[in-house]
């Protein structure tokens, strides 16, 4: 069980869709992210897309929302680099989120944090890179 996120854009071909069927493995470069509940990574996706209103089952992933995703990813990368004290003090959602996920962390962003692996960070960066590339080509998301 988990969360599956598929990037959808205008002009998406059958081949593009087929590339996204990777089983249980995230593959950001083709526009697919998966977060399993048992490993806590569904929570990471909930955090990365926490700005979104999913009530319609889909969201726009245009430039403004790509920026929101990037800001949250950068916060997680700081945690990955074991520099939680550098997390912006006004960015309170991250420590609250980490506490909810069972990490030992104060609201100031200090404590023992389980960092994402380099491979996990790469998948999220690849996903964002693909979205930006498609945006430059004039594709719309939804």
N, C-alpha and C. Protein backbone atom coordinates (compact mmCIF):
# COMPACT_ATOMS: atom_id res chain seq x y z
N UNK A 1 0.84 -1.17 0.00
CA UNK A 1 0.00 0.00 0.00
C UNK A 1 0.89 1.24 0.00
N UNK A 2 0.40 2.26 -0.68
CA UNK A 2 1.17 3.48 -0.73
C UNK A 2 0.48 4.54 -1.55
N UNK A 3 1.25 5.53 -1.93
CA UNK A 3 0.77 6.63 -2.75
C UNK A 3 1.51 6.56 -4.08
N UNK A 4 0.76 6.66 -5.17
CA UNK A 4 1.34 6.68 -6.51
C UNK A 4 1.02 8.03 -7.14
N UNK A 5 2.04 8.69 -7.68
CA UNK A 5 1.85 9.97 -8.35
C UNK A 5 2.40 9.85 -9.76
N UNK A 6 1.50 10.09 -10.72
CA UNK A 6 1.85 10.05 -12.13
C UNK A 6 1.77 11.46 -12.69
N UNK A 7 2.82 11.92 -13.32
CA UNK A 7 2.81 13.21 -13.99
C UNK A 7 2.05 13.04 -15.30
N UNK A 8 1.03 13.87 -15.50
CA UNK A 8 0.22 13.81 -16.73
C UNK A 8 0.31 15.15 -17.43
N UNK A 9 0.46 15.12 -18.74
CA UNK A 9 0.60 16.35 -19.50
C UNK A 9 -0.10 16.22 -20.84
N UNK A 10 -0.36 17.38 -21.46
CA UNK A 10 -1.00 17.39 -22.77
C UNK A 10 -0.05 16.73 -23.77
N UNK A 11 -0.62 15.92 -24.63
CA UNK A 11 0.19 15.25 -25.65
C UNK A 11 0.92 14.02 -25.15
N UNK A 12 0.60 13.55 -23.96
CA UNK A 12 1.26 12.37 -23.41
C UNK A 12 0.88 11.15 -24.26
N UNK A 13 1.90 10.42 -24.70
CA UNK A 13 1.68 9.28 -25.59
C UNK A 13 1.48 7.98 -24.80
N UNK A 14 1.03 6.96 -25.51
CA UNK A 14 0.88 5.64 -24.90
C UNK A 14 2.24 5.15 -24.38
N UNK A 15 3.29 5.42 -25.15
CA UNK A 15 4.64 5.03 -24.74
C UNK A 15 5.04 5.74 -23.44
N UNK A 16 4.69 7.04 -23.31
CA UNK A 16 4.96 7.77 -22.07
C UNK A 16 4.25 7.11 -20.89
N UNK A 17 2.98 6.72 -21.10
CA UNK A 17 2.22 6.05 -20.04
C UNK A 17 2.88 4.73 -19.66
N UNK A 18 3.27 3.95 -20.65
CA UNK A 18 3.85 2.63 -20.39
C UNK A 18 5.16 2.74 -19.61
N UNK A 19 5.95 3.77 -19.89
CA UNK A 19 7.21 3.96 -19.15
C UNK A 19 6.96 4.17 -17.66
N UNK A 20 5.81 4.73 -17.33
CA UNK A 20 5.52 5.03 -15.93
C UNK A 20 5.10 3.80 -15.13
N UNK A 21 4.80 2.71 -15.77
CA UNK A 21 4.43 1.50 -15.04
C UNK A 21 5.69 0.73 -14.68
N UNK A 22 6.20 1.03 -13.50
CA UNK A 22 7.48 0.47 -13.06
C UNK A 22 7.33 -0.50 -11.89
N UNK A 23 6.11 -0.93 -11.62
CA UNK A 23 5.90 -1.80 -10.46
C UNK A 23 5.89 -0.97 -9.20
N UNK A 24 6.72 -1.34 -8.25
CA UNK A 24 6.73 -0.64 -6.97
C UNK A 24 7.94 0.28 -6.82
N UNK A 25 8.56 0.66 -7.92
CA UNK A 25 9.78 1.47 -7.85
C UNK A 25 9.53 2.86 -8.43
N UNK A 26 9.86 3.88 -7.65
CA UNK A 26 9.78 5.25 -8.16
C UNK A 26 10.73 5.42 -9.33
N UNK A 27 10.32 6.23 -10.27
CA UNK A 27 11.19 6.57 -11.40
C UNK A 27 10.85 7.99 -11.81
N UNK A 28 11.47 8.95 -11.14
CA UNK A 28 11.18 10.36 -11.37
C UNK A 28 11.40 10.81 -12.79
N UNK A 29 12.40 10.22 -13.47
CA UNK A 29 12.71 10.70 -14.82
C UNK A 29 11.62 10.38 -15.83
N UNK A 30 10.71 9.46 -15.52
CA UNK A 30 9.57 9.20 -16.40
C UNK A 30 8.28 9.78 -15.82
N UNK A 31 8.38 10.45 -14.67
CA UNK A 31 7.21 11.10 -14.10
C UNK A 31 6.38 10.23 -13.17
N UNK A 32 7.01 9.30 -12.48
CA UNK A 32 6.29 8.44 -11.54
C UNK A 32 7.00 8.43 -10.19
N UNK A 33 6.23 8.72 -9.14
CA UNK A 33 6.75 8.63 -7.78
C UNK A 33 5.85 7.72 -6.98
N UNK A 34 6.47 6.88 -6.16
CA UNK A 34 5.72 5.97 -5.31
C UNK A 34 6.24 6.10 -3.90
N UNK A 35 5.31 6.11 -2.97
CA UNK A 35 5.67 6.15 -1.57
C UNK A 35 4.93 5.07 -0.82
N UNK A 36 5.67 4.10 -0.27
CA UNK A 36 5.05 3.01 0.48
C UNK A 36 4.78 3.45 1.91
N UNK A 37 3.63 3.06 2.44
CA UNK A 37 3.30 3.42 3.82
C UNK A 37 4.24 2.77 4.82
N UNK A 38 4.62 1.52 4.57
CA UNK A 38 5.42 0.80 5.55
C UNK A 38 6.82 1.37 5.72
N UNK A 39 7.35 2.08 4.73
CA UNK A 39 8.68 2.64 4.85
C UNK A 39 8.70 4.11 5.22
N UNK A 40 7.52 4.70 5.35
CA UNK A 40 7.45 6.11 5.69
C UNK A 40 7.52 7.03 4.49
N UNK A 41 7.74 6.49 3.30
CA UNK A 41 7.94 7.35 2.15
C UNK A 41 6.64 7.90 1.59
N UNK A 42 5.51 7.30 1.93
CA UNK A 42 4.24 7.92 1.56
C UNK A 42 4.14 9.27 2.27
N UNK A 43 4.61 9.32 3.49
CA UNK A 43 4.62 10.58 4.23
C UNK A 43 5.51 11.62 3.58
N UNK A 44 6.62 11.18 2.99
CA UNK A 44 7.51 12.12 2.29
C UNK A 44 6.76 12.72 1.10
N UNK A 45 6.03 11.90 0.36
CA UNK A 45 5.25 12.44 -0.77
C UNK A 45 4.14 13.35 -0.27
N UNK A 46 3.50 12.97 0.85
CA UNK A 46 2.48 13.84 1.43
C UNK A 46 3.08 15.19 1.77
N UNK A 47 4.31 15.19 2.25
CA UNK A 47 4.98 16.44 2.59
C UNK A 47 5.34 17.23 1.33
N UNK A 48 5.94 16.57 0.35
CA UNK A 48 6.37 17.25 -0.87
C UNK A 48 5.20 17.89 -1.61
N UNK A 49 4.04 17.25 -1.55
CA UNK A 49 2.85 17.75 -2.24
C UNK A 49 1.83 18.32 -1.25
N UNK A 50 2.28 18.67 -0.05
CA UNK A 50 1.39 19.14 1.01
C UNK A 50 0.65 20.41 0.69
N UNK A 51 1.11 21.17 -0.25
CA UNK A 51 0.47 22.42 -0.67
C UNK A 51 -0.73 22.17 -1.57
N UNK A 52 -0.88 20.94 -2.06
CA UNK A 52 -1.87 20.64 -3.10
C UNK A 52 -3.25 20.33 -2.53
N UNK A 53 -4.28 20.67 -3.29
CA UNK A 53 -5.65 20.29 -2.97
C UNK A 53 -5.99 19.10 -3.86
N UNK A 54 -6.03 17.92 -3.27
CA UNK A 54 -6.24 16.68 -4.02
C UNK A 54 -7.71 16.30 -4.11
N UNK A 55 -8.62 17.19 -3.75
CA UNK A 55 -10.04 16.82 -3.68
C UNK A 55 -10.59 16.35 -5.03
N UNK A 56 -9.99 16.77 -6.13
CA UNK A 56 -10.44 16.34 -7.46
C UNK A 56 -9.60 15.19 -8.00
N UNK A 57 -8.64 14.71 -7.21
CA UNK A 57 -7.82 13.58 -7.63
C UNK A 57 -6.65 13.95 -8.51
N UNK A 58 -6.55 15.22 -8.86
CA UNK A 58 -5.42 15.67 -9.67
C UNK A 58 -5.13 17.12 -9.33
N UNK A 59 -3.92 17.54 -9.67
CA UNK A 59 -3.51 18.92 -9.41
C UNK A 59 -2.76 19.46 -10.61
N UNK A 60 -2.63 20.76 -10.67
CA UNK A 60 -1.79 21.38 -11.68
C UNK A 60 -0.36 21.36 -11.16
N UNK A 61 0.60 21.11 -12.02
CA UNK A 61 2.00 21.10 -11.60
C UNK A 61 2.79 22.08 -12.46
N UNK A 62 2.21 23.26 -12.63
CA UNK A 62 2.85 24.32 -13.39
C UNK A 62 3.98 24.95 -12.59
N UNK A 63 4.59 26.02 -13.13
CA UNK A 63 5.78 26.63 -12.52
C UNK A 63 5.62 27.02 -11.05
N UNK A 64 4.48 27.60 -10.66
CA UNK A 64 4.32 28.01 -9.25
C UNK A 64 4.32 26.80 -8.32
N UNK A 65 3.64 25.74 -8.70
CA UNK A 65 3.61 24.55 -7.86
C UNK A 65 4.92 23.76 -7.92
N UNK A 66 5.62 23.85 -9.04
CA UNK A 66 6.95 23.24 -9.13
C UNK A 66 7.87 23.91 -8.11
N UNK A 67 7.72 25.22 -7.96
CA UNK A 67 8.55 25.97 -6.99
C UNK A 67 8.22 25.54 -5.57
N UNK A 68 6.95 25.34 -5.26
CA UNK A 68 6.55 24.88 -3.92
C UNK A 68 7.16 23.50 -3.63
N UNK A 69 7.08 22.61 -4.62
CA UNK A 69 7.66 21.27 -4.49
C UNK A 69 9.16 21.38 -4.23
N UNK A 70 9.83 22.24 -5.02
CA UNK A 70 11.28 22.41 -4.89
C UNK A 70 11.65 22.94 -3.49
N UNK A 71 10.88 23.88 -2.97
CA UNK A 71 11.16 24.43 -1.64
C UNK A 71 11.09 23.33 -0.58
N UNK A 72 10.08 22.49 -0.68
CA UNK A 72 9.94 21.40 0.29
C UNK A 72 11.03 20.35 0.11
N UNK A 73 11.39 20.07 -1.13
CA UNK A 73 12.48 19.13 -1.38
C UNK A 73 13.78 19.67 -0.81
N UNK A 74 14.02 20.95 -0.97
CA UNK A 74 15.24 21.55 -0.42
C UNK A 74 15.28 21.42 1.10
N UNK A 75 14.14 21.53 1.76
CA UNK A 75 14.11 21.34 3.21
C UNK A 75 14.50 19.90 3.56
N UNK A 76 13.97 18.94 2.81
CA UNK A 76 14.31 17.54 3.07
C UNK A 76 15.78 17.26 2.77
N UNK A 77 16.33 17.94 1.78
CA UNK A 77 17.75 17.77 1.46
C UNK A 77 18.63 18.30 2.59
N UNK A 78 18.19 19.36 3.25
CA UNK A 78 18.94 19.85 4.40
C UNK A 78 18.95 18.81 5.52
N UNK A 79 17.81 18.16 5.71
CA UNK A 79 17.74 17.08 6.70
C UNK A 79 18.68 15.96 6.28
N UNK A 80 18.67 15.64 4.97
CA UNK A 80 19.53 14.58 4.47
C UNK A 80 21.00 14.89 4.73
N UNK A 81 21.36 16.16 4.62
CA UNK A 81 22.74 16.57 4.83
C UNK A 81 23.08 16.69 6.31
N UNK A 82 22.13 16.27 7.18
CA UNK A 82 22.33 16.31 8.63
C UNK A 82 22.64 17.71 9.13
N UNK A 83 21.95 18.68 8.54
CA UNK A 83 22.10 20.06 8.99
C UNK A 83 20.75 20.62 9.39
N UNK A 84 20.05 19.96 10.31
CA UNK A 84 18.70 20.43 10.64
C UNK A 84 18.67 21.84 11.22
N UNK A 85 19.77 22.32 11.80
CA UNK A 85 19.76 23.67 12.36
C UNK A 85 19.69 24.73 11.27
N UNK A 86 19.96 24.36 10.01
CA UNK A 86 19.89 25.34 8.93
C UNK A 86 18.49 25.46 8.36
N UNK A 87 17.57 24.63 8.83
CA UNK A 87 16.19 24.72 8.35
C UNK A 87 15.57 26.01 8.86
N UNK A 88 14.95 26.73 7.97
CA UNK A 88 14.34 28.01 8.31
C UNK A 88 13.39 27.86 9.50
N UNK A 89 13.53 28.75 10.48
CA UNK A 89 12.70 28.67 11.68
C UNK A 89 11.24 28.97 11.38
N UNK A 90 10.95 29.70 10.29
CA UNK A 90 9.56 29.95 9.96
C UNK A 90 8.95 28.82 9.13
N UNK A 91 9.74 27.83 8.83
CA UNK A 91 9.26 26.69 8.06
C UNK A 91 8.87 25.59 9.05
N UNK A 92 7.83 25.85 9.82
CA UNK A 92 7.46 24.96 10.92
C UNK A 92 6.84 23.65 10.47
N UNK A 93 6.31 23.60 9.25
CA UNK A 93 5.66 22.38 8.81
C UNK A 93 6.61 21.19 8.77
N UNK A 94 7.86 21.42 8.42
CA UNK A 94 8.79 20.29 8.31
C UNK A 94 8.99 19.59 9.64
N UNK A 95 9.34 20.30 10.72
CA UNK A 95 9.48 19.59 12.00
C UNK A 95 8.18 18.94 12.47
N UNK A 96 7.05 19.60 12.24
CA UNK A 96 5.77 19.00 12.63
C UNK A 96 5.55 17.72 11.84
N UNK A 97 5.81 17.77 10.55
CA UNK A 97 5.69 16.60 9.69
C UNK A 97 6.61 15.47 10.17
N UNK A 98 7.87 15.83 10.46
CA UNK A 98 8.83 14.81 10.90
C UNK A 98 8.40 14.19 12.22
N UNK A 99 7.86 14.97 13.13
CA UNK A 99 7.36 14.42 14.39
C UNK A 99 6.24 13.43 14.13
N UNK A 100 5.33 13.81 13.24
CA UNK A 100 4.20 12.94 12.90
C UNK A 100 4.69 11.62 12.32
N UNK A 101 5.81 11.66 11.60
CA UNK A 101 6.35 10.46 11.00
C UNK A 101 7.20 9.65 11.99
N UNK A 102 7.28 10.12 13.24
CA UNK A 102 7.97 9.35 14.26
C UNK A 102 9.43 9.72 14.47
N UNK A 103 9.89 10.81 13.87
CA UNK A 103 11.26 11.24 14.08
C UNK A 103 11.37 11.97 15.40
N UNK A 104 12.52 11.89 16.04
CA UNK A 104 12.79 12.62 17.27
C UNK A 104 13.29 14.00 16.88
N UNK A 105 12.41 14.98 16.89
CA UNK A 105 12.78 16.31 16.42
C UNK A 105 11.98 17.36 17.18
N UNK A 106 12.63 18.46 17.52
CA UNK A 106 11.93 19.57 18.17
C UNK A 106 11.37 20.49 17.11
N UNK A 107 10.53 21.43 17.50
CA UNK A 107 9.98 22.37 16.54
C UNK A 107 11.04 23.31 15.98
N UNK A 108 12.19 23.36 16.61
CA UNK A 108 13.29 24.18 16.09
C UNK A 108 14.07 23.44 15.02
N UNK A 109 13.72 22.20 14.77
CA UNK A 109 14.38 21.43 13.73
C UNK A 109 15.64 20.73 14.20
N UNK A 110 15.75 20.46 15.48
CA UNK A 110 16.94 19.77 16.00
C UNK A 110 16.56 18.35 16.39
N UNK A 111 17.53 17.48 16.43
CA UNK A 111 17.27 16.12 16.86
C UNK A 111 17.80 15.11 15.87
N UNK A 112 17.57 13.84 16.15
CA UNK A 112 18.03 12.78 15.27
C UNK A 112 17.05 12.56 14.15
N UNK A 113 17.46 12.79 12.93
CA UNK A 113 16.58 12.68 11.78
C UNK A 113 17.08 11.60 10.84
N UNK A 114 16.16 10.81 10.34
CA UNK A 114 16.51 9.80 9.35
C UNK A 114 16.59 10.47 7.98
N UNK A 115 17.78 10.58 7.40
CA UNK A 115 17.89 11.28 6.12
C UNK A 115 17.44 10.42 4.95
N UNK A 116 16.99 11.09 3.89
CA UNK A 116 16.71 10.40 2.64
C UNK A 116 18.04 9.95 2.03
N UNK A 117 17.99 8.89 1.26
CA UNK A 117 19.20 8.45 0.58
C UNK A 117 19.44 9.34 -0.65
N UNK A 118 20.64 9.28 -1.19
CA UNK A 118 20.96 10.03 -2.41
C UNK A 118 20.03 9.60 -3.55
N UNK A 119 19.74 8.31 -3.62
CA UNK A 119 18.90 7.79 -4.69
C UNK A 119 17.49 8.34 -4.60
N UNK A 120 16.96 8.43 -3.37
CA UNK A 120 15.61 8.97 -3.19
C UNK A 120 15.55 10.43 -3.59
N UNK A 121 16.54 11.20 -3.16
CA UNK A 121 16.59 12.62 -3.53
C UNK A 121 16.66 12.75 -5.05
N UNK A 122 17.45 11.91 -5.69
CA UNK A 122 17.59 11.96 -7.15
C UNK A 122 16.24 11.73 -7.85
N UNK A 123 15.45 10.77 -7.35
CA UNK A 123 14.14 10.50 -7.97
C UNK A 123 13.25 11.74 -7.92
N UNK A 124 13.23 12.43 -6.78
CA UNK A 124 12.41 13.63 -6.64
C UNK A 124 12.94 14.75 -7.54
N UNK A 125 14.25 14.89 -7.61
CA UNK A 125 14.85 15.91 -8.48
C UNK A 125 14.56 15.60 -9.95
N UNK A 126 14.65 14.32 -10.33
CA UNK A 126 14.35 13.92 -11.71
C UNK A 126 12.90 14.24 -12.07
N UNK A 127 11.99 13.99 -11.14
CA UNK A 127 10.57 14.28 -11.34
C UNK A 127 10.38 15.77 -11.61
N UNK A 128 11.00 16.60 -10.80
CA UNK A 128 10.90 18.05 -10.95
C UNK A 128 11.56 18.50 -12.26
N UNK A 129 12.70 17.92 -12.60
CA UNK A 129 13.41 18.26 -13.84
C UNK A 129 12.53 17.94 -15.06
N UNK A 130 11.86 16.78 -15.05
CA UNK A 130 10.97 16.43 -16.16
C UNK A 130 9.83 17.43 -16.26
N UNK A 131 9.23 17.78 -15.13
CA UNK A 131 8.11 18.74 -15.15
C UNK A 131 8.56 20.08 -15.73
N UNK A 132 9.74 20.52 -15.36
CA UNK A 132 10.25 21.81 -15.87
C UNK A 132 10.55 21.73 -17.37
N UNK A 133 11.08 20.60 -17.79
CA UNK A 133 11.37 20.41 -19.22
C UNK A 133 10.07 20.45 -20.03
N UNK A 134 9.04 19.78 -19.53
CA UNK A 134 7.75 19.77 -20.22
C UNK A 134 7.12 21.16 -20.23
N UNK A 135 7.28 21.89 -19.13
CA UNK A 135 6.75 23.26 -19.05
C UNK A 135 7.41 24.13 -20.11
N UNK A 136 8.71 24.00 -20.27
CA UNK A 136 9.43 24.79 -21.29
C UNK A 136 8.93 24.47 -22.70
N UNK A 137 8.48 23.24 -22.87
CA UNK A 137 7.94 22.82 -24.19
C UNK A 137 6.48 23.23 -24.37
N UNK A 138 5.90 23.91 -23.36
CA UNK A 138 4.54 24.39 -23.46
C UNK A 138 3.47 23.39 -23.07
N UNK A 139 3.85 22.30 -22.43
CA UNK A 139 2.88 21.29 -22.00
C UNK A 139 2.12 21.76 -20.77
N UNK A 140 0.87 21.34 -20.66
CA UNK A 140 0.02 21.65 -19.51
C UNK A 140 -0.18 20.37 -18.70
N UNK A 141 -0.34 20.54 -17.40
CA UNK A 141 -0.48 19.39 -16.51
C UNK A 141 -1.90 19.27 -15.98
N UNK A 142 -2.27 18.04 -15.65
CA UNK A 142 -3.58 17.84 -15.03
C UNK A 142 -4.14 16.50 -15.37
